[in-house]
């Protein structure tokens, strides 16, 4: 996570609010604009939007990254 400059708070947010997709034996969490709560400050929402986390079956975080499409 440090190499990609994704904080623990951003990881917590994507695991809490992100869309959950089961794929290839792992779970992919994607935090898009529509998944963000409305009470977030605009700057925080912009920073979190597009965050992705891939979690293995045993709960270990495999990788995190930001996807800006």
C-alpha atoms as a PDB file:
ATOM      1  CA  UNK A   1       0.000   0.000   0.000  1.00  0.00           C
ATOM      2  CA  UNK A   2       2.822   2.416   0.691  1.00  0.00           C
ATOM      3  CA  UNK A   3       4.306   2.042  -2.781  1.00  0.00           C
ATOM      4  CA  UNK A   4       0.984   3.144  -4.255  1.00  0.00           C
ATOM      5  CA  UNK A   5       0.381   5.889  -1.659  1.00  0.00           C
ATOM      6  CA  UNK A   6      -2.915   4.372  -0.501  1.00  0.00           C
ATOM      7  CA  UNK A   7      -3.515   4.979   3.189  1.00  0.00           C
ATOM      8  CA  UNK A   8      -4.995   2.584   5.713  1.00  0.00           C
ATOM      9  CA  UNK A   9      -8.007   4.909   5.919  1.00  0.00           C
ATOM     10  CA  UNK A  10      -8.545   4.580   2.143  1.00  0.00           C
ATOM     11  CA  UNK A  11      -8.292   0.794   2.428  1.00  0.00           C
ATOM     12  CA  UNK A  12     -10.849   0.809   5.251  1.00  0.00           C
ATOM     13  CA  UNK A  13     -13.174   2.963   3.120  1.00  0.00           C
ATOM     14  CA  UNK A  14     -12.985   0.696   0.064  1.00  0.00           C
ATOM     15  CA  UNK A  15     -13.612  -2.400   2.190  1.00  0.00           C
ATOM     16  CA  UNK A  16     -16.556  -0.735   3.951  1.00  0.00           C
ATOM     17  CA  UNK A  17     -18.326   1.072   1.106  1.00  0.00           C
ATOM     18  CA  UNK A  18     -16.947  -0.446  -2.106  1.00  0.00           C
ATOM     19  CA  UNK A  19     -18.730  -2.748  -4.516  1.00  0.00           C
ATOM     20  CA  UNK A  20     -17.749  -6.377  -3.913  1.00  0.00           C
ATOM     21  CA  UNK A  21     -16.954  -8.622  -6.897  1.00  0.00           C
ATOM     22  CA  UNK A  22     -15.873 -12.272  -6.586  1.00  0.00           C
ATOM     23  CA  UNK A  23     -13.338 -13.066  -9.299  1.00  0.00           C
ATOM     24  CA  UNK A  24     -10.728 -15.800  -9.807  1.00  0.00           C
ATOM     25  CA  UNK A  25     -10.751 -16.951  -6.191  1.00  0.00           C
ATOM     26  CA  UNK A  26     -10.315 -13.435  -4.790  1.00  0.00           C
ATOM     27  CA  UNK A  27     -12.629 -10.604  -3.848  1.00  0.00           C
ATOM     28  CA  UNK A  28     -12.243  -7.275  -5.631  1.00  0.00           C
ATOM     29  CA  UNK A  29     -13.575  -4.177  -3.874  1.00  0.00           C
ATOM     30  CA  UNK A  30     -14.117  -1.099  -6.051  1.00  0.00           C
ATOM     31  CA  UNK A  31     -15.006   2.303  -4.629  1.00  0.00           C
ATOM     32  CA  UNK A  32     -16.747   4.322  -7.308  1.00  0.00           C
ATOM     33  CA  UNK A  33     -18.466   7.700  -7.077  1.00  0.00           C
ATOM     34  CA  UNK A  34     -21.884   6.187  -6.416  1.00  0.00           C
ATOM     35  CA  UNK A  35     -20.536   4.065  -3.547  1.00  0.00           C
ATOM     36  CA  UNK A  36     -19.238   7.054  -1.576  1.00  0.00           C
ATOM     37  CA  UNK A  37     -21.389   8.352   1.283  1.00  0.00           C
ATOM     38  CA  UNK A  38     -22.813  11.826   0.814  1.00  0.00           C
ATOM     39  CA  UNK A  39     -21.369  13.161   4.089  1.00  0.00           C
ATOM     40  CA  UNK A  40     -17.771  13.030   2.790  1.00  0.00           C
ATOM     41  CA  UNK A  41     -16.037  16.291   1.985  1.00  0.00           C
ATOM     42  CA  UNK A  42     -15.575  16.761  -1.787  1.00  0.00           C
ATOM     43  CA  UNK A  43     -11.785  16.599  -1.470  1.00  0.00           C
ATOM     44  CA  UNK A  44     -11.963  13.297   0.415  1.00  0.00           C
ATOM     45  CA  UNK A  45     -14.443  11.867  -2.077  1.00  0.00           C
ATOM     46  CA  UNK A  46     -12.206  12.824  -5.007  1.00  0.00           C
ATOM     47  CA  UNK A  47      -9.198  11.196  -3.326  1.00  0.00           C
ATOM     48  CA  UNK A  48     -11.066   7.947  -2.571  1.00  0.00           C
ATOM     49  CA  UNK A  49     -12.913   7.597  -5.878  1.00  0.00           C
ATOM     50  CA  UNK A  50     -11.502   4.780  -8.017  1.00  0.00           C
ATOM     51  CA  UNK A  51      -9.704   2.966  -5.186  1.00  0.00           C
ATOM     52  CA  UNK A  52      -9.542  -0.805  -5.703  1.00  0.00           C
ATOM     53  CA  UNK A  53      -8.466  -3.532  -3.269  1.00  0.00           C
ATOM     54  CA  UNK A  54      -7.979  -7.216  -4.082  1.00  0.00           C
ATOM     55  CA  UNK A  55      -8.403  -9.521  -1.078  1.00  0.00           C
ATOM     56  CA  UNK A  56      -7.627 -13.251  -0.999  1.00  0.00           C
ATOM     57  CA  UNK A  57     -10.021 -15.880   0.344  1.00  0.00           C
ATOM     58  CA  UNK A  58      -8.225 -15.928   3.688  1.00  0.00           C
ATOM     59  CA  UNK A  59      -8.653 -12.145   4.100  1.00  0.00           C
ATOM     60  CA  UNK A  60      -5.160 -10.975   3.183  1.00  0.00           C
ATOM     61  CA  UNK A  61      -4.930  -7.816   1.067  1.00  0.00           C
ATOM     62  CA  UNK A  62      -3.187  -8.859  -2.137  1.00  0.00           C
ATOM     63  CA  UNK A  63      -2.912  -5.446  -3.773  1.00  0.00           C
ATOM     64  CA  UNK A  64      -4.452  -1.994  -3.856  1.00  0.00           C
ATOM     65  CA  UNK A  65      -4.473   0.576  -6.636  1.00  0.00           C
ATOM     66  CA  UNK A  66      -6.395   3.485  -8.090  1.00  0.00           C
ATOM     67  CA  UNK A  67      -8.317   3.098 -11.314  1.00  0.00           C
ATOM     68  CA  UNK A  68      -9.231   6.376 -13.020  1.00  0.00           C
ATOM     69  CA  UNK A  69     -11.550   5.629 -15.915  1.00  0.00           C
END
